[in-house]
Each structure stands twice: as structure tokens, then as C-alpha cells.
Amino acid sequence: MKEMSSTMGKGKYTIIYRELIIFDWGGLIDTPGTREMRLWCEQEEVNMSFEEIADLKNECRFTNCRHQSEPGCTIKAVLSEGRLTQNRYKEY
């Protein structure tokens, strides 16, 4: 018999095996039971991949700019001018 969850009143499911399959073309498949996957990298690696955005961030008026509604946001300005595409910014 399955162990019951006291909060949900349903049976608990315990994963005893999982596997991440990575393809040569860059795609991946995670097997059932994997609830979360995170990629770890240093901010410097992100900045190298998105050098133009990293440079623009440093030009914002405030150092803690979230690039949403703050005045003097360079990222918002170049997005509205079309010098940076929405797609590229979303990838960042």
C-alpha cells in the first residue's frame, strides 16, 4: 500500500530513478519525476554570452535597475528604439 500524504490525502510517489538525456543537437529530455532543473553558471559567463546587454546594464541610472519601470533605464530605451530586440533580451 502507498504511503499517504497527511496534507493532500493522496498517495505519495517516490522516484527511485531519473535520467537526463542530452542530444548532440542541443535538445534534452528529462525523465518523469524531475520537478525542477537549474543551470548553474557564473554571472561573468552570462555577461560574456550577452556582452551587449551587460554593457547596457551598466549605463542605467540606478545600479539596482530591474529594467521594468525605473526612470533612466538604458535597456528600456534601446528596446523601444529597436537597437536591442525583445527576443534577444528575453534570451538574456
N, C-alpha and C. Protein backbone atom coordinates (compact mmCIF):
# COMPACT_ATOMS: atom_id res chain seq x y z
N MET A 1 0.84 -1.19 0.00
CA MET A 1 0.00 0.00 0.00
C MET A 1 0.88 1.24 0.00
N LYS A 2 0.48 2.28 -0.73
CA LYS A 2 1.22 3.53 -0.81
C LYS A 2 1.12 4.29 0.51
N GLU A 3 2.19 5.01 0.81
CA GLU A 3 2.17 5.91 1.95
C GLU A 3 1.28 7.09 1.59
N MET A 4 0.49 7.58 2.55
CA MET A 4 -0.44 8.68 2.29
C MET A 4 0.13 10.00 2.79
N SER A 5 -0.11 11.05 2.01
CA SER A 5 0.26 12.40 2.39
C SER A 5 -0.75 12.92 3.39
N SER A 6 -0.28 13.45 4.53
CA SER A 6 -1.20 13.96 5.54
C SER A 6 -1.83 15.28 5.10
N THR A 7 -1.15 16.05 4.28
CA THR A 7 -1.70 17.34 3.85
C THR A 7 -2.62 17.22 2.65
N MET A 8 -2.31 16.34 1.72
CA MET A 8 -3.11 16.23 0.50
C MET A 8 -4.11 15.08 0.54
N GLY A 9 -3.90 14.13 1.43
CA GLY A 9 -4.80 12.99 1.49
C GLY A 9 -4.69 12.06 0.30
N LYS A 10 -3.55 12.13 -0.38
CA LYS A 10 -3.33 11.30 -1.56
C LYS A 10 -2.07 10.48 -1.36
N GLY A 11 -1.90 9.49 -2.19
CA GLY A 11 -0.70 8.66 -2.11
C GLY A 11 0.55 9.42 -2.51
N LYS A 12 1.65 9.10 -1.85
CA LYS A 12 2.93 9.71 -2.18
C LYS A 12 3.60 8.90 -3.26
N TYR A 13 4.30 9.59 -4.14
CA TYR A 13 5.02 8.93 -5.22
C TYR A 13 6.50 9.22 -5.03
N THR A 14 7.29 8.21 -4.91
CA THR A 14 8.72 8.37 -4.69
C THR A 14 9.48 7.91 -5.92
N ILE A 15 10.29 8.79 -6.46
CA ILE A 15 11.11 8.47 -7.63
C ILE A 15 12.35 7.73 -7.15
N ILE A 16 12.62 6.61 -7.76
CA ILE A 16 13.84 5.90 -7.40
C ILE A 16 14.89 5.97 -8.50
N TYR A 17 14.50 6.52 -9.65
CA TYR A 17 15.44 6.62 -10.76
C TYR A 17 15.03 7.75 -11.68
N ARG A 18 15.99 8.51 -12.11
CA ARG A 18 15.74 9.53 -13.13
C ARG A 18 16.98 9.69 -13.97
N GLU A 19 16.78 10.19 -15.18
CA GLU A 19 17.90 10.32 -16.11
C GLU A 19 17.68 11.54 -17.00
N LEU A 20 18.74 12.26 -17.27
CA LEU A 20 18.69 13.39 -18.18
C LEU A 20 19.40 12.96 -19.45
N ILE A 21 18.71 13.07 -20.58
CA ILE A 21 19.27 12.65 -21.85
C ILE A 21 19.56 13.89 -22.68
N ILE A 22 20.81 14.08 -23.07
CA ILE A 22 21.22 15.24 -23.85
C ILE A 22 21.59 14.78 -25.25
N PHE A 23 21.04 15.45 -26.25
CA PHE A 23 21.29 15.10 -27.63
C PHE A 23 22.41 15.95 -28.22
N ASP A 24 23.04 15.46 -29.27
CA ASP A 24 24.12 16.18 -29.93
C ASP A 24 23.66 17.54 -30.45
N TRP A 25 22.40 17.64 -30.85
CA TRP A 25 21.88 18.87 -31.42
C TRP A 25 21.47 19.88 -30.36
N GLY A 26 21.66 19.55 -29.08
CA GLY A 26 21.41 20.50 -28.01
C GLY A 26 20.11 20.30 -27.27
N GLY A 27 19.22 19.45 -27.78
CA GLY A 27 17.96 19.21 -27.09
C GLY A 27 18.16 18.28 -25.91
N LEU A 28 17.19 18.25 -25.02
CA LEU A 28 17.29 17.34 -23.89
C LEU A 28 15.92 16.85 -23.49
N ILE A 29 15.91 15.71 -22.81
CA ILE A 29 14.68 15.12 -22.28
C ILE A 29 14.95 14.77 -20.83
N ASP A 30 14.06 15.20 -19.95
CA ASP A 30 14.19 14.75 -18.58
C ASP A 30 13.12 13.72 -18.31
N THR A 31 13.45 12.73 -17.55
CA THR A 31 12.52 11.64 -17.31
C THR A 31 11.52 12.03 -16.24
N PRO A 32 10.40 11.34 -16.15
CA PRO A 32 9.36 11.67 -15.17
C PRO A 32 9.90 11.74 -13.75
N GLY A 33 9.34 12.64 -12.99
CA GLY A 33 9.73 12.77 -11.59
C GLY A 33 10.68 13.92 -11.34
N THR A 34 11.32 14.43 -12.38
CA THR A 34 12.20 15.56 -12.21
C THR A 34 11.33 16.81 -12.15
N ARG A 35 11.23 17.39 -10.97
CA ARG A 35 10.34 18.54 -10.79
C ARG A 35 11.01 19.86 -11.14
N GLU A 36 12.31 19.92 -11.01
CA GLU A 36 12.99 21.19 -11.24
C GLU A 36 14.37 20.92 -11.78
N MET A 37 14.79 21.79 -12.67
CA MET A 37 16.15 21.69 -13.19
C MET A 37 16.70 23.10 -13.27
N ARG A 38 17.91 23.27 -12.81
CA ARG A 38 18.55 24.58 -12.84
C ARG A 38 19.89 24.47 -13.53
N LEU A 39 20.26 25.54 -14.16
CA LEU A 39 21.57 25.63 -14.77
C LEU A 39 22.42 26.53 -13.89
N TRP A 40 23.61 26.09 -13.60
CA TRP A 40 24.49 26.88 -12.77
C TRP A 40 25.60 27.45 -13.62
N CYS A 41 25.79 28.73 -13.51
CA CYS A 41 26.92 29.37 -14.15
C CYS A 41 27.19 30.68 -13.44
N GLU A 42 28.35 31.19 -13.62
CA GLU A 42 28.73 32.45 -13.01
C GLU A 42 28.16 33.61 -13.82
N GLN A 43 27.91 34.73 -13.15
CA GLN A 43 27.39 35.91 -13.83
C GLN A 43 28.34 36.35 -14.95
N GLU A 44 29.62 36.17 -14.73
CA GLU A 44 30.61 36.55 -15.75
C GLU A 44 30.39 35.77 -17.04
N GLU A 45 30.00 34.49 -16.93
CA GLU A 45 29.73 33.68 -18.12
C GLU A 45 28.49 34.19 -18.85
N VAL A 46 27.48 34.60 -18.10
CA VAL A 46 26.29 35.19 -18.71
C VAL A 46 26.66 36.48 -19.42
N ASN A 47 27.44 37.32 -18.74
CA ASN A 47 27.85 38.59 -19.33
C ASN A 47 28.64 38.39 -20.62
N MET A 48 29.45 37.35 -20.68
CA MET A 48 30.23 37.08 -21.90
C MET A 48 29.31 36.68 -23.05
N SER A 49 28.25 35.94 -22.74
CA SER A 49 27.32 35.49 -23.78
C SER A 49 26.41 36.61 -24.26
N PHE A 50 26.15 37.58 -23.39
CA PHE A 50 25.27 38.70 -23.71
C PHE A 50 26.02 40.00 -23.44
N GLU A 51 27.16 40.12 -24.07
CA GLU A 51 28.06 41.24 -23.81
C GLU A 51 27.38 42.60 -24.03
N GLU A 52 26.57 42.70 -25.10
CA GLU A 52 25.94 43.98 -25.39
C GLU A 52 24.96 44.38 -24.30
N ILE A 53 24.26 43.42 -23.73
CA ILE A 53 23.30 43.71 -22.66
C ILE A 53 24.04 44.04 -21.37
N ALA A 54 25.10 43.32 -21.07
CA ALA A 54 25.89 43.59 -19.87
C ALA A 54 26.44 45.01 -19.90
N ASP A 55 26.89 45.45 -21.07
CA ASP A 55 27.40 46.82 -21.20
C ASP A 55 26.28 47.84 -21.01
N LEU A 56 25.12 47.56 -21.58
CA LEU A 56 23.99 48.50 -21.46
C LEU A 56 23.50 48.60 -20.03
N LYS A 57 23.48 47.49 -19.30
CA LYS A 57 23.03 47.50 -17.90
C LYS A 57 23.83 48.48 -17.08
N ASN A 58 25.11 48.58 -17.36
CA ASN A 58 25.98 49.48 -16.60
C ASN A 58 25.68 50.95 -16.87
N GLU A 59 24.91 51.25 -17.91
CA GLU A 59 24.58 52.62 -18.24
C GLU A 59 23.26 53.08 -17.63
N CYS A 60 22.53 52.16 -16.98
CA CYS A 60 21.26 52.54 -16.35
C CYS A 60 21.50 53.55 -15.24
N ARG A 61 20.51 54.37 -15.01
CA ARG A 61 20.61 55.42 -14.00
C ARG A 61 20.84 54.87 -12.60
N PHE A 62 20.17 53.76 -12.27
CA PHE A 62 20.27 53.15 -10.94
C PHE A 62 20.99 51.81 -11.04
N THR A 63 21.87 51.54 -10.08
CA THR A 63 22.64 50.28 -10.11
C THR A 63 21.76 49.06 -9.84
N ASN A 64 20.62 49.26 -9.19
CA ASN A 64 19.72 48.13 -8.91
C ASN A 64 18.51 48.12 -9.86
N CYS A 65 18.69 48.67 -11.03
CA CYS A 65 17.61 48.77 -12.03
C CYS A 65 17.12 47.36 -12.40
N ARG A 66 15.79 47.20 -12.41
CA ARG A 66 15.19 45.92 -12.79
C ARG A 66 14.74 45.93 -14.24
N HIS A 67 14.93 47.08 -14.92
CA HIS A 67 14.61 47.22 -16.35
C HIS A 67 13.12 47.04 -16.61
N GLN A 68 12.30 47.54 -15.68
CA GLN A 68 10.86 47.44 -15.85
C GLN A 68 10.21 48.82 -15.91
N SER A 69 10.25 49.57 -14.80
CA SER A 69 9.58 50.88 -14.79
C SER A 69 10.46 51.99 -14.23
N GLU A 70 11.71 51.71 -14.01
CA GLU A 70 12.61 52.71 -13.44
C GLU A 70 12.95 53.79 -14.46
N PRO A 71 13.01 55.05 -14.02
CA PRO A 71 13.42 56.12 -14.93
C PRO A 71 14.91 56.00 -15.24
N GLY A 72 15.28 56.37 -16.44
CA GLY A 72 16.69 56.33 -16.82
C GLY A 72 17.22 54.95 -17.11
N CYS A 73 16.33 54.02 -17.45
CA CYS A 73 16.75 52.65 -17.77
C CYS A 73 17.24 52.58 -19.22
N THR A 74 18.49 52.26 -19.39
CA THR A 74 19.07 52.17 -20.73
C THR A 74 18.51 50.99 -21.51
N ILE A 75 18.27 49.88 -20.83
CA ILE A 75 17.73 48.69 -21.50
C ILE A 75 16.36 49.02 -22.11
N LYS A 76 15.48 49.65 -21.33
CA LYS A 76 14.16 50.01 -21.86
C LYS A 76 14.29 50.94 -23.05
N ALA A 77 15.22 51.88 -22.97
CA ALA A 77 15.40 52.85 -24.05
C ALA A 77 15.83 52.17 -25.35
N VAL A 78 16.83 51.30 -25.28
CA VAL A 78 17.30 50.66 -26.52
C VAL A 78 16.29 49.65 -27.05
N LEU A 79 15.48 49.06 -26.16
CA LEU A 79 14.41 48.18 -26.63
C LEU A 79 13.37 48.98 -27.41
N SER A 80 12.98 50.13 -26.88
CA SER A 80 11.97 50.94 -27.58
C SER A 80 12.51 51.54 -28.87
N GLU A 81 13.82 51.78 -28.92
CA GLU A 81 14.44 52.32 -30.15
C GLU A 81 14.70 51.23 -31.19
N GLY A 82 14.60 49.97 -30.78
CA GLY A 82 14.84 48.87 -31.69
C GLY A 82 16.31 48.50 -31.84
N ARG A 83 17.18 49.08 -31.02
CA ARG A 83 18.61 48.74 -31.09
C ARG A 83 18.90 47.40 -30.41
N LEU A 84 17.95 46.93 -29.62
CA LEU A 84 18.03 45.61 -28.99
C LEU A 84 16.67 44.96 -29.20
N THR A 85 16.68 43.71 -29.68
CA THR A 85 15.40 43.06 -29.94
C THR A 85 14.82 42.46 -28.66
N GLN A 86 13.50 42.42 -28.61
CA GLN A 86 12.82 41.79 -27.46
C GLN A 86 13.26 40.34 -27.31
N ASN A 87 13.42 39.66 -28.45
CA ASN A 87 13.82 38.26 -28.41
C ASN A 87 15.19 38.08 -27.74
N ARG A 88 16.13 38.91 -28.12
CA ARG A 88 17.47 38.83 -27.53
C ARG A 88 17.42 39.11 -26.03
N TYR A 89 16.63 40.09 -25.63
CA TYR A 89 16.51 40.42 -24.22
C TYR A 89 15.84 39.29 -23.44
N LYS A 90 14.81 38.65 -24.03
CA LYS A 90 14.16 37.51 -23.38
C LYS A 90 15.14 36.35 -23.20
N GLU A 91 16.00 36.13 -24.19
CA GLU A 91 17.01 35.07 -24.07
C GLU A 91 17.96 35.34 -22.91
N TYR A 92 18.27 36.62 -22.71
CA TYR A 92 19.13 37.01 -21.60
C TYR A 92 18.47 36.68 -20.27
